[in-house]
N, C-alpha and C. Protein backbone atom coordinates (compact mmCIF):
# COMPACT_ATOMS: atom_id res chain seq x y z
N MET A 1 -2.01 -17.24 -1.03
CA MET A 1 -0.89 -16.37 -0.67
C MET A 1 0.41 -17.16 -0.80
N SER A 2 1.42 -16.52 -1.34
CA SER A 2 2.69 -17.20 -1.57
C SER A 2 3.48 -17.35 -0.27
N THR A 3 4.41 -18.28 -0.29
CA THR A 3 5.32 -18.48 0.85
C THR A 3 6.13 -17.21 1.09
N GLU A 4 6.57 -16.57 0.00
CA GLU A 4 7.34 -15.32 0.12
C GLU A 4 6.55 -14.26 0.88
N GLU A 5 5.26 -14.14 0.57
CA GLU A 5 4.42 -13.16 1.26
C GLU A 5 4.32 -13.50 2.74
N MET A 6 4.10 -14.75 3.07
CA MET A 6 3.99 -15.14 4.47
C MET A 6 5.31 -14.92 5.21
N MET A 7 6.43 -15.24 4.56
CA MET A 7 7.74 -15.04 5.19
C MET A 7 8.04 -13.57 5.42
N PHE A 8 7.51 -12.70 4.57
CA PHE A 8 7.72 -11.26 4.73
C PHE A 8 7.25 -10.81 6.12
N PHE A 9 6.24 -11.49 6.66
CA PHE A 9 5.66 -11.10 7.95
C PHE A 9 6.20 -11.91 9.13
N ASN A 10 7.31 -12.64 8.94
CA ASN A 10 7.87 -13.44 10.03
C ASN A 10 8.13 -12.64 11.30
N GLN A 11 8.65 -11.43 11.16
CA GLN A 11 8.97 -10.61 12.34
C GLN A 11 7.75 -9.87 12.90
N TRP A 12 6.68 -9.78 12.11
CA TRP A 12 5.47 -9.05 12.50
C TRP A 12 4.23 -9.89 12.19
N PRO A 13 4.11 -11.08 12.76
CA PRO A 13 2.99 -11.96 12.40
C PRO A 13 1.61 -11.37 12.70
N GLN A 14 1.54 -10.46 13.66
CA GLN A 14 0.25 -9.85 14.00
C GLN A 14 -0.28 -8.97 12.87
N LEU A 15 0.59 -8.58 11.93
CA LEU A 15 0.16 -7.75 10.81
C LEU A 15 -0.29 -8.56 9.60
N LEU A 16 -0.04 -9.85 9.61
CA LEU A 16 -0.42 -10.69 8.48
C LEU A 16 -1.93 -10.64 8.17
N PRO A 17 -2.83 -10.68 9.17
CA PRO A 17 -4.26 -10.59 8.85
C PRO A 17 -4.64 -9.29 8.15
N LEU A 18 -4.01 -8.17 8.52
CA LEU A 18 -4.29 -6.90 7.84
C LEU A 18 -3.85 -6.99 6.39
N TYR A 19 -2.65 -7.54 6.18
CA TYR A 19 -2.15 -7.70 4.82
C TYR A 19 -3.07 -8.61 4.01
N GLU A 20 -3.50 -9.73 4.62
CA GLU A 20 -4.38 -10.66 3.91
C GLU A 20 -5.66 -9.97 3.43
N THR A 21 -6.24 -9.15 4.28
CA THR A 21 -7.45 -8.43 3.89
C THR A 21 -7.16 -7.47 2.75
N LEU A 22 -6.07 -6.71 2.86
CA LEU A 22 -5.67 -5.79 1.79
C LEU A 22 -5.47 -6.57 0.49
N ARG A 23 -4.69 -7.62 0.55
CA ARG A 23 -4.36 -8.43 -0.63
C ARG A 23 -5.63 -9.01 -1.26
N ASP A 24 -6.48 -9.60 -0.43
CA ASP A 24 -7.69 -10.24 -0.95
C ASP A 24 -8.59 -9.23 -1.66
N LYS A 25 -8.74 -8.04 -1.07
CA LYS A 25 -9.59 -7.02 -1.69
C LYS A 25 -8.99 -6.52 -3.00
N LEU A 26 -7.67 -6.32 -3.03
CA LEU A 26 -7.03 -5.86 -4.27
C LEU A 26 -7.11 -6.93 -5.36
N CYS A 27 -6.89 -8.19 -4.99
CA CYS A 27 -6.96 -9.27 -5.99
C CYS A 27 -8.38 -9.47 -6.50
N ALA A 28 -9.38 -9.27 -5.65
CA ALA A 28 -10.77 -9.39 -6.08
C ALA A 28 -11.15 -8.24 -7.02
N ALA A 29 -10.69 -7.03 -6.70
CA ALA A 29 -11.03 -5.86 -7.52
C ALA A 29 -10.27 -5.84 -8.84
N TYR A 30 -9.04 -6.37 -8.83
CA TYR A 30 -8.16 -6.30 -10.01
C TYR A 30 -7.57 -7.68 -10.28
N PRO A 31 -8.29 -8.53 -11.00
CA PRO A 31 -7.80 -9.89 -11.25
C PRO A 31 -6.44 -9.94 -11.96
N ASP A 32 -6.06 -8.84 -12.62
CA ASP A 32 -4.78 -8.80 -13.33
C ASP A 32 -3.61 -8.39 -12.43
N VAL A 33 -3.86 -8.13 -11.15
CA VAL A 33 -2.81 -7.63 -10.27
C VAL A 33 -1.67 -8.64 -10.15
N LYS A 34 -0.46 -8.10 -10.16
CA LYS A 34 0.74 -8.91 -9.94
C LYS A 34 1.34 -8.46 -8.60
N ILE A 35 1.86 -9.41 -7.85
CA ILE A 35 2.40 -9.11 -6.52
C ILE A 35 3.88 -9.47 -6.51
N LYS A 36 4.70 -8.54 -6.03
CA LYS A 36 6.14 -8.77 -5.95
C LYS A 36 6.59 -8.51 -4.52
N VAL A 37 7.27 -9.49 -3.94
CA VAL A 37 7.79 -9.35 -2.58
C VAL A 37 9.26 -8.97 -2.66
N ALA A 38 9.62 -7.87 -2.02
CA ALA A 38 11.00 -7.43 -1.94
C ALA A 38 11.41 -7.41 -0.45
N LYS A 39 12.60 -6.96 -0.19
CA LYS A 39 13.10 -6.96 1.19
C LYS A 39 12.30 -6.04 2.11
N THR A 40 11.89 -4.87 1.59
CA THR A 40 11.25 -3.87 2.45
C THR A 40 9.77 -3.67 2.19
N GLN A 41 9.23 -4.26 1.12
CA GLN A 41 7.81 -4.05 0.83
C GLN A 41 7.26 -5.13 -0.07
N VAL A 42 5.94 -5.23 -0.06
CA VAL A 42 5.21 -6.06 -1.01
C VAL A 42 4.53 -5.07 -1.95
N SER A 43 4.77 -5.23 -3.25
CA SER A 43 4.26 -4.28 -4.23
C SER A 43 3.17 -4.91 -5.08
N PHE A 44 2.21 -4.07 -5.45
CA PHE A 44 1.09 -4.48 -6.29
C PHE A 44 1.19 -3.73 -7.61
N TYR A 45 1.11 -4.47 -8.71
CA TYR A 45 1.31 -3.91 -10.04
C TYR A 45 0.13 -4.20 -10.95
N ASN A 46 -0.12 -3.27 -11.90
CA ASN A 46 -0.84 -3.56 -13.12
C ASN A 46 0.24 -3.44 -14.18
N ARG A 47 0.20 -2.44 -15.03
CA ARG A 47 1.36 -2.19 -15.92
C ARG A 47 2.52 -1.63 -15.11
N HIS A 48 2.19 -0.90 -14.06
CA HIS A 48 3.17 -0.25 -13.18
C HIS A 48 2.76 -0.50 -11.73
N MET A 49 3.68 -0.22 -10.82
CA MET A 49 3.36 -0.35 -9.40
C MET A 49 2.33 0.71 -9.03
N PHE A 50 1.29 0.29 -8.30
CA PHE A 50 0.28 1.26 -7.88
C PHE A 50 0.07 1.28 -6.37
N ALA A 51 0.49 0.24 -5.67
CA ALA A 51 0.34 0.21 -4.21
C ALA A 51 1.43 -0.64 -3.60
N MET A 52 1.73 -0.37 -2.33
CA MET A 52 2.74 -1.12 -1.60
C MET A 52 2.26 -1.32 -0.17
N ALA A 53 2.73 -2.41 0.42
CA ALA A 53 2.51 -2.66 1.84
C ALA A 53 3.88 -2.86 2.47
N SER A 54 4.11 -2.20 3.59
CA SER A 54 5.40 -2.36 4.26
C SER A 54 5.20 -2.41 5.77
N LEU A 55 6.26 -2.82 6.44
CA LEU A 55 6.24 -3.03 7.89
C LEU A 55 6.78 -1.81 8.63
N PRO A 56 6.53 -1.72 9.92
CA PRO A 56 6.96 -0.54 10.70
C PRO A 56 8.44 -0.58 11.07
N VAL A 57 9.30 -0.75 10.07
CA VAL A 57 10.74 -0.79 10.32
C VAL A 57 11.24 0.61 10.67
N ARG A 58 10.83 1.59 9.88
CA ARG A 58 11.17 2.99 10.18
C ARG A 58 9.88 3.68 10.58
N ARG A 59 9.96 4.39 11.67
CA ARG A 59 8.73 5.08 12.08
C ARG A 59 9.07 6.37 12.80
N ARG A 60 8.09 7.23 12.81
CA ARG A 60 8.23 8.50 13.51
C ARG A 60 7.77 8.33 14.94
N LYS A 61 8.24 9.22 15.78
CA LYS A 61 7.91 9.17 17.21
C LYS A 61 6.40 9.13 17.46
N GLU A 62 5.65 9.91 16.70
CA GLU A 62 4.21 10.02 16.93
C GLU A 62 3.40 8.88 16.31
N TRP A 63 4.06 8.01 15.56
CA TRP A 63 3.37 6.90 14.93
C TRP A 63 3.23 5.74 15.92
N PRO A 64 2.23 4.88 15.73
CA PRO A 64 2.07 3.72 16.62
C PRO A 64 3.25 2.75 16.47
N SER A 65 3.40 1.84 17.40
CA SER A 65 4.53 0.90 17.35
C SER A 65 4.28 -0.24 16.36
N SER A 66 3.03 -0.54 16.09
CA SER A 66 2.71 -1.65 15.18
C SER A 66 1.65 -1.19 14.18
N TYR A 67 1.97 -1.30 12.90
CA TYR A 67 1.03 -0.91 11.84
C TYR A 67 1.49 -1.50 10.52
N LEU A 68 0.57 -1.64 9.60
CA LEU A 68 0.88 -1.97 8.22
C LEU A 68 0.83 -0.65 7.46
N MET A 69 1.92 -0.29 6.80
CA MET A 69 1.90 0.93 6.00
C MET A 69 1.44 0.59 4.60
N VAL A 70 0.38 1.24 4.17
CA VAL A 70 -0.13 1.07 2.81
C VAL A 70 0.21 2.36 2.06
N SER A 71 0.93 2.21 0.97
CA SER A 71 1.38 3.36 0.19
C SER A 71 0.86 3.25 -1.23
N PHE A 72 0.64 4.40 -1.85
CA PHE A 72 0.12 4.43 -3.22
C PHE A 72 0.52 5.74 -3.87
N GLY A 73 0.54 5.73 -5.20
CA GLY A 73 0.92 6.91 -5.96
C GLY A 73 -0.24 7.51 -6.71
N LEU A 74 -0.31 8.85 -6.68
CA LEU A 74 -1.33 9.60 -7.42
C LEU A 74 -0.70 10.82 -8.07
N GLY A 75 -1.41 11.43 -8.99
CA GLY A 75 -0.91 12.61 -9.68
C GLY A 75 -1.05 13.90 -8.88
N ILE A 76 -1.81 13.84 -7.79
CA ILE A 76 -2.03 15.02 -6.95
C ILE A 76 -1.91 14.63 -5.48
N PRO A 77 -1.57 15.58 -4.62
CA PRO A 77 -1.51 15.26 -3.19
C PRO A 77 -2.92 15.20 -2.59
N ILE A 78 -3.14 14.28 -1.69
CA ILE A 78 -4.41 14.17 -0.97
C ILE A 78 -4.27 14.85 0.38
N ALA A 79 -5.24 15.67 0.71
CA ALA A 79 -5.27 16.30 2.03
C ALA A 79 -6.26 15.52 2.88
N SER A 80 -5.73 14.73 3.81
CA SER A 80 -6.56 13.95 4.71
C SER A 80 -5.77 13.66 5.97
N PRO A 81 -6.42 13.69 7.14
CA PRO A 81 -5.69 13.35 8.37
C PRO A 81 -5.25 11.88 8.38
N ARG A 82 -5.79 11.06 7.50
CA ARG A 82 -5.38 9.65 7.44
C ARG A 82 -4.04 9.46 6.74
N ILE A 83 -3.62 10.45 5.97
CA ILE A 83 -2.34 10.35 5.27
C ILE A 83 -1.25 10.70 6.27
N ALA A 84 -0.45 9.69 6.64
CA ALA A 84 0.61 9.89 7.65
C ALA A 84 1.78 10.67 7.08
N ALA A 85 2.04 10.49 5.78
CA ALA A 85 3.12 11.20 5.11
C ALA A 85 2.85 11.15 3.62
N LYS A 86 3.36 12.16 2.91
CA LYS A 86 3.27 12.18 1.45
C LYS A 86 4.48 12.93 0.92
N VAL A 87 4.92 12.52 -0.26
CA VAL A 87 6.08 13.15 -0.87
C VAL A 87 5.89 13.14 -2.38
N GLU A 88 6.34 14.21 -3.01
CA GLU A 88 6.30 14.25 -4.47
C GLU A 88 7.57 13.56 -4.96
N ALA A 89 7.47 12.27 -5.20
CA ALA A 89 8.62 11.45 -5.57
C ALA A 89 9.21 11.87 -6.92
N TYR A 90 8.33 12.22 -7.84
CA TYR A 90 8.68 12.73 -9.16
C TYR A 90 7.70 13.85 -9.45
N PRO A 91 8.05 14.78 -10.35
CA PRO A 91 7.07 15.81 -10.68
C PRO A 91 5.75 15.18 -11.15
N GLY A 92 4.68 15.56 -10.49
CA GLY A 92 3.37 15.04 -10.85
C GLY A 92 3.08 13.63 -10.35
N ARG A 93 3.90 13.13 -9.44
CA ARG A 93 3.65 11.80 -8.84
C ARG A 93 3.87 11.90 -7.33
N TRP A 94 2.77 11.81 -6.61
CA TRP A 94 2.79 11.89 -5.15
C TRP A 94 2.63 10.51 -4.55
N THR A 95 3.54 10.15 -3.65
CA THR A 95 3.42 8.90 -2.91
C THR A 95 2.83 9.22 -1.55
N HIS A 96 1.75 8.53 -1.22
CA HIS A 96 1.03 8.72 0.04
C HIS A 96 1.19 7.49 0.91
N HIS A 97 1.30 7.69 2.23
CA HIS A 97 1.47 6.59 3.18
C HIS A 97 0.36 6.66 4.22
N VAL A 98 -0.35 5.54 4.38
CA VAL A 98 -1.44 5.43 5.35
C VAL A 98 -1.08 4.33 6.34
N LEU A 99 -1.18 4.61 7.63
CA LEU A 99 -0.88 3.62 8.66
C LEU A 99 -2.15 2.87 9.03
N ILE A 100 -2.10 1.55 8.91
CA ILE A 100 -3.26 0.71 9.21
C ILE A 100 -2.95 -0.10 10.47
N GLU A 101 -3.73 0.17 11.52
CA GLU A 101 -3.57 -0.58 12.77
C GLU A 101 -4.68 -1.60 12.97
N HIS A 102 -5.85 -1.34 12.40
CA HIS A 102 -7.03 -2.17 12.63
C HIS A 102 -7.74 -2.46 11.31
N GLU A 103 -8.39 -3.59 11.25
CA GLU A 103 -9.07 -4.02 10.02
C GLU A 103 -10.09 -3.00 9.52
N ASP A 104 -10.77 -2.31 10.43
CA ASP A 104 -11.80 -1.35 10.00
C ASP A 104 -11.20 -0.14 9.27
N GLN A 105 -9.89 0.01 9.32
CA GLN A 105 -9.24 1.09 8.57
C GLN A 105 -9.03 0.70 7.10
N LEU A 106 -9.23 -0.56 6.78
CA LEU A 106 -9.18 -1.03 5.39
C LEU A 106 -10.59 -0.84 4.82
N ASP A 107 -10.95 0.42 4.62
CA ASP A 107 -12.33 0.81 4.34
C ASP A 107 -12.50 1.40 2.94
N GLY A 108 -13.69 1.85 2.67
CA GLY A 108 -14.03 2.40 1.37
C GLY A 108 -13.18 3.60 0.97
N GLU A 109 -12.87 4.45 1.92
CA GLU A 109 -12.03 5.61 1.60
C GLU A 109 -10.65 5.16 1.11
N LEU A 110 -10.01 4.26 1.86
CA LEU A 110 -8.70 3.77 1.47
C LEU A 110 -8.77 3.08 0.10
N PHE A 111 -9.76 2.21 -0.09
CA PHE A 111 -9.84 1.51 -1.36
C PHE A 111 -10.25 2.43 -2.50
N GLY A 112 -10.90 3.54 -2.21
CA GLY A 112 -11.14 4.56 -3.22
C GLY A 112 -9.82 5.16 -3.70
N TRP A 113 -8.94 5.46 -2.75
CA TRP A 113 -7.62 5.98 -3.11
C TRP A 113 -6.82 4.94 -3.89
N LEU A 114 -6.89 3.69 -3.45
CA LEU A 114 -6.16 2.63 -4.15
C LEU A 114 -6.70 2.43 -5.56
N ASP A 115 -8.00 2.60 -5.74
CA ASP A 115 -8.58 2.51 -7.08
C ASP A 115 -8.07 3.65 -7.96
N GLU A 116 -8.01 4.85 -7.39
CA GLU A 116 -7.44 5.98 -8.15
C GLU A 116 -5.99 5.69 -8.52
N ALA A 117 -5.23 5.11 -7.58
CA ALA A 117 -3.82 4.79 -7.83
C ALA A 117 -3.69 3.73 -8.92
N TYR A 118 -4.59 2.74 -8.90
CA TYR A 118 -4.59 1.70 -9.93
C TYR A 118 -4.80 2.33 -11.31
N ARG A 119 -5.78 3.22 -11.41
CA ARG A 119 -6.08 3.88 -12.68
C ARG A 119 -4.96 4.84 -13.10
N PHE A 120 -4.37 5.53 -12.13
CA PHE A 120 -3.25 6.43 -12.40
C PHE A 120 -2.07 5.64 -12.98
N ALA A 121 -1.78 4.48 -12.39
CA ALA A 121 -0.68 3.65 -12.87
C ALA A 121 -0.95 3.11 -14.28
N LEU A 122 -2.20 2.73 -14.54
CA LEU A 122 -2.55 2.24 -15.89
C LEU A 122 -2.34 3.32 -16.95
N ALA A 123 -2.63 4.55 -16.61
CA ALA A 123 -2.55 5.64 -17.56
C ALA A 123 -1.13 6.17 -17.74
N LYS A 124 -0.24 5.79 -16.85
CA LYS A 124 1.14 6.28 -16.88
C LYS A 124 1.86 5.81 -18.14
N ARG A 125 2.64 6.67 -18.69
CA ARG A 125 3.43 6.32 -19.88
C ARG A 125 4.77 5.78 -19.46
N GLY A 126 5.39 5.07 -20.36
CA GLY A 126 6.75 4.57 -20.12
C GLY A 126 6.73 3.21 -19.44
N HIS A 127 7.87 2.81 -18.93
CA HIS A 127 8.01 1.47 -18.34
C HIS A 127 7.99 1.57 -16.89
């Protein structure tokens, strides 16, 4: 893990283990993954961005106080109680947000969605 990634979690060190598990599973599944750390999120790329991890800087009243937000893009909206929010960012591109509070939430269902997002990003045209 890079120093930039570790520094991203300076204000929320309790979330670093969740991120490490997410990162390790994505890097194991997709050896070509590229990771970019920005001010508000850590992004995972193949040809295009397919997943993001962010901190609970902005949150809704009903959301927990501490969570790792895992976001991903798909061509269709997912109907699941695990999806905390979703928005059609562009026509035919839905961004989904899942709140992760515990390691057991980094499960097969979530990684199934992330796999779909990885494949969706690979198939996307343009830059």
